[in-house]
Structure formats: structure tokens, C-alpha cells
Amino acid sequence: MKRKKSNLFRKVMIGWLCLTMFILLFPIAAIIFMSFNASKFGALPFEFTTTWYVQLFESADLLAATWYSLWFSTLVSVVAAVLGVLASFALRKLSRKWNKTFPTLMNIPVIIPWLVSAVSLLLLFNLIGMGKSFVSLFLGNLVAVMPHSFLITYARVMSMDKYPEEAARTLGASGFKVFVNVAFPMIFPAVLSGMLMSFILCFNCFVIQYYLAPFGTYTLPMLIYTMIRAGYSPSINAIAAILTLFIVLFIIVMNKVGFDAGQLFGKANKED
């Protein structure tokens, strides 16, 4: 009787998992499917075409906005990763009081809605005379994503074994060499995870970009919003499909080179 209940429960859980995955992945699959549909409105019956991909690469605005979002998000995520590493090692040297207080304060920007942050930052930048500019856009996105990078890196730094660093110092290594050759390789998966998280958040940070971007500057989310207001274009499906393919390939490569989920989210390995 217990075995039957166990098998039934297992089947229910598997069914629930399949339903959840379907709900999560079906919209993405639908966008990719419709990017090859000849209908301008995503209507059936399906008729295969690559017209929207041709139009995408002929559209200078979409390509320019995509490239701008890519390099801008990369810049913000790299700076966020550097600041996260510096802050994590600085807190490691401080007392337990700061080790509890500072991470708690860093959670505040994560909890506060981006709309509130965007309006507050716009008022602040107008007050100090910066207004809408590239520096305002950069700092606004950095404020939004840096806590995520810090919290992931900080968790790994605080759980890191200190004995390899002490052994390196005992053997005469300088502080810089200890960091480069011993400490940083141990926290690199967490730093990479925080940088990827920052990149994704910055790439999708429409609200802050909308309020702080200077006139004439369009990131991809801003351009898509403008295009949807003027009239829907199936080229948006094409660029969504390309970005999805890029992300899938990147995840596959990361798994192939040996970065599993435990490493990327800063969990200590048995080898540490």
C-alpha cells in the first residue's frame, strides 16, 4: 500500500514538474516558432519564412541597439564584479558587526522596485547637474545590479578556506600574489556568476534605462518598447530567437568547461 502511494506521489510530482517546465518554456518556444512564420501578426496556419531575419539584419536601428546593450551591459557587469570583489575582501577584514550590517544594507536596492530607484536617481542627477547622460545611465544601472554581484561573491569569500592563503604568505608570497594565484581562482566561479547575473539584469533594466538614458540613446529594451508603441514588428521575434540561442549555447559551453550550478553560485567544493 505504501509502495503504491509512493509511486502515485512520484508520478504526480513528475507531472507537476513537466507542467511547470511547459509553462516556463512554452512562451520562449512560441517566440522562436513565430520568428519563422510568414504572418505579420503571428497567426496560423504556419508558413515558413526567414524574411524577418533578413529584415532584422537590414534594420540598422535594431542591430545598433542590440550592440549598444551588449557592450554597455558588459561594461556595467565587469565594474560591478570588481566592486563586489573589493567590497567582499574588505568586509572579510572587518568585525562581525559590519559583516552582518553591510550585506543587509546591500539587500535594500534589491528589494526596492526599479521604478522607485529610477525616479530617485533621476531627481538626484538633476539636482547635481548631471541630468540624463551616459554617466547617469551607467551609475544608475550599476546601482541596480551591483548588490547582486556583491552578495554572490561575498557568500563565497566568507565560506572560503583561509589556510591556502596563510600557507602562501608563510612561503613568502606578497599580498598581490596571494590574491591572484590563490584567492581569486577559488572565488572565480562566484565572481563569474555575479557578473553573469549583473549582465542579464542590466540588459533587461528597461525602467532605469528609460529614465536615465540621454536623448538619442536607445538600448534594445527601449527600442523594442518604442517599436511596440508604434506598431508590432515580427523582427522582434527574430532577435529574441537569436538571443535565446546565444544564451543556450553559452550555458552549454559553461557546462562543457566544468562550471556546474554549485560552482557558479559560490558553493564550496569538496576539493576546497
Protein backbone atom coordinates (compact mmCIF):
# COMPACT_ATOMS: atom_id res chain seq x y z
CA MET A 1 0.00 0.00 0.00
CA LYS A 2 2.80 2.37 0.93
CA ARG A 3 4.62 1.46 -2.28
CA LYS A 4 1.55 2.34 -4.37
CA LYS A 5 1.18 5.68 -2.61
CA SER A 6 4.87 6.36 -3.14
CA ASN A 7 4.61 5.59 -6.87
CA LEU A 8 1.48 7.75 -7.18
CA PHE A 9 3.17 10.64 -5.40
CA ARG A 10 6.21 10.26 -7.66
CA LYS A 11 4.03 10.35 -10.78
CA VAL A 12 2.16 13.42 -9.52
CA MET A 13 5.44 15.23 -8.85
CA ILE A 14 6.81 14.32 -12.27
CA GLY A 15 3.60 15.54 -13.89
CA TRP A 16 3.74 18.78 -11.90
CA LEU A 17 7.39 19.27 -12.93
CA CYS A 18 6.53 18.73 -16.59
CA LEU A 19 3.64 21.20 -16.35
CA THR A 20 5.88 23.80 -14.69
CA MET A 21 8.58 23.41 -17.35
CA PHE A 22 5.95 23.69 -20.07
CA ILE A 23 4.58 26.94 -18.60
CA LEU A 24 8.10 28.37 -18.32
CA LEU A 25 9.45 27.28 -21.70
CA PHE A 26 6.37 27.43 -23.95
CA PRO A 27 6.42 31.25 -24.40
CA ILE A 28 10.09 31.10 -25.43
CA ALA A 29 9.43 28.25 -27.84
CA ALA A 30 6.43 30.13 -29.26
CA ILE A 31 8.55 33.23 -29.98
CA ILE A 32 11.17 31.13 -31.79
CA PHE A 33 8.43 29.31 -33.71
CA MET A 34 6.73 32.54 -34.76
CA SER A 35 10.01 34.09 -35.86
CA PHE A 36 9.83 31.70 -38.83
CA ASN A 37 6.15 32.36 -39.54
CA ALA A 38 5.24 34.44 -42.59
CA SER A 39 2.28 36.08 -40.83
CA LYS A 40 2.94 39.60 -39.54
CA PHE A 41 0.55 39.03 -36.65
CA GLY A 42 1.67 35.54 -35.58
CA ALA A 43 -1.47 33.96 -36.99
CA LEU A 44 -1.89 30.37 -38.10
CA PRO A 45 -1.61 28.43 -40.38
CA PHE A 46 2.15 28.39 -40.15
CA GLU A 47 4.10 29.27 -43.28
CA PHE A 48 7.87 29.01 -43.06
CA THR A 49 9.94 32.08 -43.92
CA THR A 50 13.23 33.74 -42.99
CA THR A 51 12.03 37.19 -44.05
CA TRP A 52 12.05 38.57 -40.52
CA TYR A 53 15.70 37.59 -40.03
CA VAL A 54 16.60 39.30 -43.29
CA GLN A 55 14.74 42.43 -42.18
CA LEU A 56 16.45 42.25 -38.80
CA PHE A 57 19.93 42.39 -40.29
CA GLU A 58 18.80 45.12 -42.66
CA SER A 59 17.49 47.21 -39.74
CA ALA A 60 20.31 49.45 -38.59
CA ASP A 61 18.37 50.59 -35.51
CA LEU A 62 17.82 47.10 -34.08
CA LEU A 63 21.40 45.99 -34.65
CA ALA A 64 22.80 49.22 -33.22
CA ALA A 65 20.56 48.99 -30.14
CA THR A 66 21.49 45.33 -29.63
CA TRP A 67 25.21 46.08 -29.88
CA TYR A 68 24.85 49.04 -27.52
CA SER A 69 23.03 46.91 -24.93
CA LEU A 70 25.63 44.14 -25.20
CA TRP A 71 28.74 46.26 -24.68
CA PHE A 72 27.07 48.54 -22.13
CA SER A 73 25.83 45.58 -20.06
CA THR A 74 29.28 44.00 -20.26
CA LEU A 75 30.91 47.20 -19.01
CA VAL A 76 28.48 47.56 -16.10
CA SER A 77 28.79 43.87 -15.12
CA VAL A 78 32.61 43.98 -15.14
CA VAL A 79 32.68 47.08 -12.94
CA ALA A 80 30.06 45.52 -10.63
CA ALA A 81 32.18 42.36 -10.36
CA VAL A 82 35.32 44.34 -9.49
CA LEU A 83 33.50 46.39 -6.85
CA GLY A 84 31.88 43.23 -5.47
CA VAL A 85 35.26 41.52 -5.06
CA LEU A 86 36.83 44.57 -3.40
CA ALA A 87 33.89 45.02 -1.02
CA SER A 88 33.83 41.32 -0.13
CA PHE A 89 37.52 41.16 0.79
CA ALA A 90 37.25 44.47 2.66
CA LEU A 91 34.38 43.13 4.78
CA ARG A 92 36.35 39.97 5.41
CA LYS A 93 38.87 42.10 7.33
CA LEU A 94 36.24 43.90 9.42
CA SER A 95 34.33 42.90 12.54
CA ARG A 96 31.27 40.66 12.70
CA LYS A 97 29.08 43.73 13.20
CA TRP A 98 29.97 45.05 9.76
CA ASN A 99 29.74 41.55 8.26
CA LYS A 100 26.08 41.47 9.29
CA THR A 101 25.14 45.11 8.72
CA PHE A 102 26.63 45.81 5.28
CA PRO A 103 25.13 42.78 3.43
CA THR A 104 21.77 43.68 4.96
CA LEU A 105 22.07 47.23 3.62
CA MET A 106 23.03 45.85 0.20
CA ASN A 107 19.73 43.96 0.12
CA ILE A 108 17.79 47.24 0.16
CA PRO A 109 18.45 48.14 -3.52
CA VAL A 110 17.44 44.58 -4.44
CA ILE A 111 14.08 44.89 -2.67
CA ILE A 112 13.20 48.43 -3.75
CA PRO A 113 11.33 48.48 -7.13
CA TRP A 114 13.36 49.73 -10.07
CA LEU A 115 10.73 52.38 -10.76
CA VAL A 116 11.36 53.99 -7.38
CA SER A 117 15.12 53.76 -7.86
CA ALA A 118 14.91 55.23 -11.36
CA VAL A 119 12.85 58.25 -10.29
CA SER A 120 15.06 58.83 -7.23
CA LEU A 121 18.24 58.66 -9.29
CA LEU A 122 16.82 60.98 -11.93
CA LEU A 123 15.94 63.56 -9.26
CA LEU A 124 19.39 63.21 -7.72
CA PHE A 125 21.23 63.58 -11.03
CA ASN A 126 19.12 66.59 -11.98
CA LEU A 127 19.87 68.14 -8.60
CA ILE A 128 23.65 67.83 -9.03
CA GLY A 129 23.51 68.99 -12.65
CA MET A 130 24.20 65.70 -14.43
CA GLY A 131 20.71 65.15 -15.80
CA LYS A 132 20.22 62.44 -18.40
CA SER A 133 23.68 61.46 -19.58
CA PHE A 134 25.84 58.43 -20.21
CA VAL A 135 27.38 58.76 -16.74
CA SER A 136 23.90 58.87 -15.18
CA LEU A 137 22.85 55.84 -17.21
CA PHE A 138 25.98 53.94 -16.20
CA LEU A 139 25.74 54.78 -12.50
CA GLY A 140 22.01 54.04 -12.41
CA ASN A 141 22.46 50.57 -13.89
CA LEU A 142 25.46 49.94 -11.64
CA VAL A 143 23.39 50.79 -8.55
CA ALA A 144 20.71 48.35 -9.72
CA VAL A 145 22.97 45.35 -10.44
CA MET A 146 25.98 45.74 -8.14
CA PRO A 147 24.24 44.34 -4.99
CA HIS A 148 23.53 41.06 -6.82
CA SER A 149 27.17 40.67 -7.82
CA PHE A 150 28.36 41.58 -4.33
CA LEU A 151 26.04 39.19 -2.47
CA ILE A 152 27.05 36.20 -4.60
CA THR A 153 30.77 36.98 -4.32
CA TYR A 154 30.55 37.80 -0.61
CA ALA A 155 28.94 34.43 0.18
CA ARG A 156 31.83 32.62 -1.50
CA VAL A 157 34.53 34.79 0.07
CA MET A 158 33.18 34.23 3.58
CA SER A 159 32.97 30.45 3.09
CA MET A 160 36.44 30.23 1.51
CA ASP A 161 39.17 28.28 3.29
CA LYS A 162 41.85 30.64 4.65
CA TYR A 163 44.60 28.03 5.05
CA PRO A 164 45.86 28.13 1.41
CA GLU A 165 46.31 31.91 1.70
CA GLU A 166 48.13 31.58 5.02
CA ALA A 167 50.38 28.91 3.55
CA ALA A 168 51.21 31.16 0.58
CA ARG A 169 52.10 34.04 2.91
CA THR A 170 54.25 31.71 5.03
CA LEU A 171 56.19 30.77 1.89
CA GLY A 172 56.89 34.44 1.21
CA ALA A 173 54.25 35.39 -1.36
CA SER A 174 53.18 39.02 -1.43
CA GLY A 175 49.58 40.05 -0.82
CA PHE A 176 49.02 40.67 -4.52
CA LYS A 177 50.40 37.25 -5.50
CA VAL A 178 48.29 35.56 -2.83
CA PHE A 179 45.18 37.19 -4.25
CA VAL A 180 45.99 36.47 -7.90
CA ASN A 181 47.34 32.93 -7.55
CA VAL A 182 45.39 31.60 -4.56
CA ALA A 183 42.31 33.59 -3.55
CA PHE A 184 40.93 34.68 -6.92
CA PRO A 185 40.95 31.19 -8.52
CA MET A 186 38.94 29.96 -5.52
CA ILE A 187 36.27 32.64 -5.89
CA PHE A 188 36.31 32.91 -9.69
CA PRO A 189 33.15 30.81 -10.24
CA ALA A 190 31.22 33.08 -7.85
CA VAL A 191 32.65 36.21 -9.48
CA LEU A 192 31.65 34.87 -12.89
CA SER A 193 28.18 34.04 -11.59
CA GLY A 194 27.75 37.55 -10.19
CA MET A 195 28.98 39.07 -13.43
CA LEU A 196 26.52 37.00 -15.48
CA MET A 197 23.69 37.96 -13.14
CA SER A 198 24.65 41.62 -13.45
CA PHE A 199 24.84 41.35 -17.23
CA ILE A 200 21.37 39.83 -17.52
CA LEU A 201 19.81 42.35 -15.13
CA CYS A 202 21.49 45.30 -16.83
CA PHE A 203 20.48 44.05 -20.28
CA ASN A 204 16.84 43.92 -19.13
CA CYS A 205 16.87 47.02 -16.91
CA PHE A 206 14.34 48.91 -19.03
CA VAL A 207 12.91 51.19 -16.32
CA ILE A 208 16.21 52.71 -15.23
CA GLN A 209 17.42 52.99 -18.82
CA TYR A 210 14.19 54.68 -19.87
CA TYR A 211 14.50 57.36 -17.17
CA LEU A 212 18.27 57.97 -17.34
CA ALA A 213 19.29 57.43 -20.98
CA PRO A 214 20.28 60.64 -22.79
CA PHE A 215 18.27 61.83 -25.78
CA GLY A 216 19.01 59.78 -28.91
CA THR A 217 20.42 56.79 -26.98
CA TYR A 218 18.44 53.57 -27.30
CA THR A 219 19.16 50.26 -25.65
CA LEU A 220 17.44 47.18 -27.04
CA PRO A 221 14.61 47.14 -24.43
CA MET A 222 13.95 50.84 -25.08
CA LEU A 223 13.86 50.36 -28.84
CA ILE A 224 11.53 47.36 -28.58
CA TYR A 225 9.22 49.40 -26.34
CA THR A 226 9.23 52.23 -28.90
CA MET A 227 8.57 49.79 -31.76
CA ILE A 228 5.66 48.15 -29.94
CA ARG A 229 4.07 51.54 -29.28
CA ALA A 230 4.35 52.43 -32.98
CA GLY A 231 3.30 49.00 -34.24
CA TYR A 232 4.41 45.41 -33.69
CA SER A 233 7.20 44.06 -35.88
CA PRO A 234 7.96 40.31 -36.25
CA SER A 235 11.65 41.21 -36.37
CA ILE A 236 11.41 41.39 -32.57
CA ASN A 237 10.70 37.64 -32.56
CA ALA A 238 13.79 37.09 -34.69
CA ILE A 239 16.11 38.98 -32.37
CA ALA A 240 14.56 37.23 -29.34
CA ALA A 241 15.25 33.87 -31.00
CA ILE A 242 18.88 34.81 -31.70
CA LEU A 243 19.45 36.00 -28.13
CA THR A 244 17.86 32.81 -26.77
CA LEU A 245 20.12 30.68 -28.97
CA PHE A 246 23.16 32.63 -27.79
CA ILE A 247 22.21 32.09 -24.13
CA VAL A 248 21.63 28.35 -24.64
CA LEU A 249 24.98 27.95 -26.39
CA PHE A 250 26.71 29.89 -23.63
CA ILE A 251 25.19 27.65 -20.94
CA ILE A 252 26.25 24.54 -22.87
CA VAL A 253 29.81 25.83 -23.18
CA MET A 254 29.91 26.68 -19.47
CA ASN A 255 28.85 23.14 -18.60
CA LYS A 256 31.38 21.67 -21.01
CA VAL A 257 34.27 23.56 -19.41
CA GLY A 258 33.22 22.32 -15.99
CA PHE A 259 31.21 25.07 -14.30
CA ASP A 260 28.20 23.45 -12.67
CA ALA A 261 25.45 25.21 -10.73
CA GLY A 262 27.13 24.67 -7.37
CA GLN A 263 30.31 26.36 -8.53
CA LEU A 264 28.58 29.27 -10.22
CA PHE A 265 26.57 30.19 -7.16
CA GLY A 266 29.54 30.22 -4.85
CA LYS A 267 29.11 26.90 -3.05
CA ALA A 268 32.31 25.41 -1.82
CA ASN A 269 33.53 22.26 -3.50
CA LYS A 270 34.83 19.27 -1.64
CA GLU A 271 38.24 19.96 -3.13
CA ASP A 272 38.36 23.37 -1.40
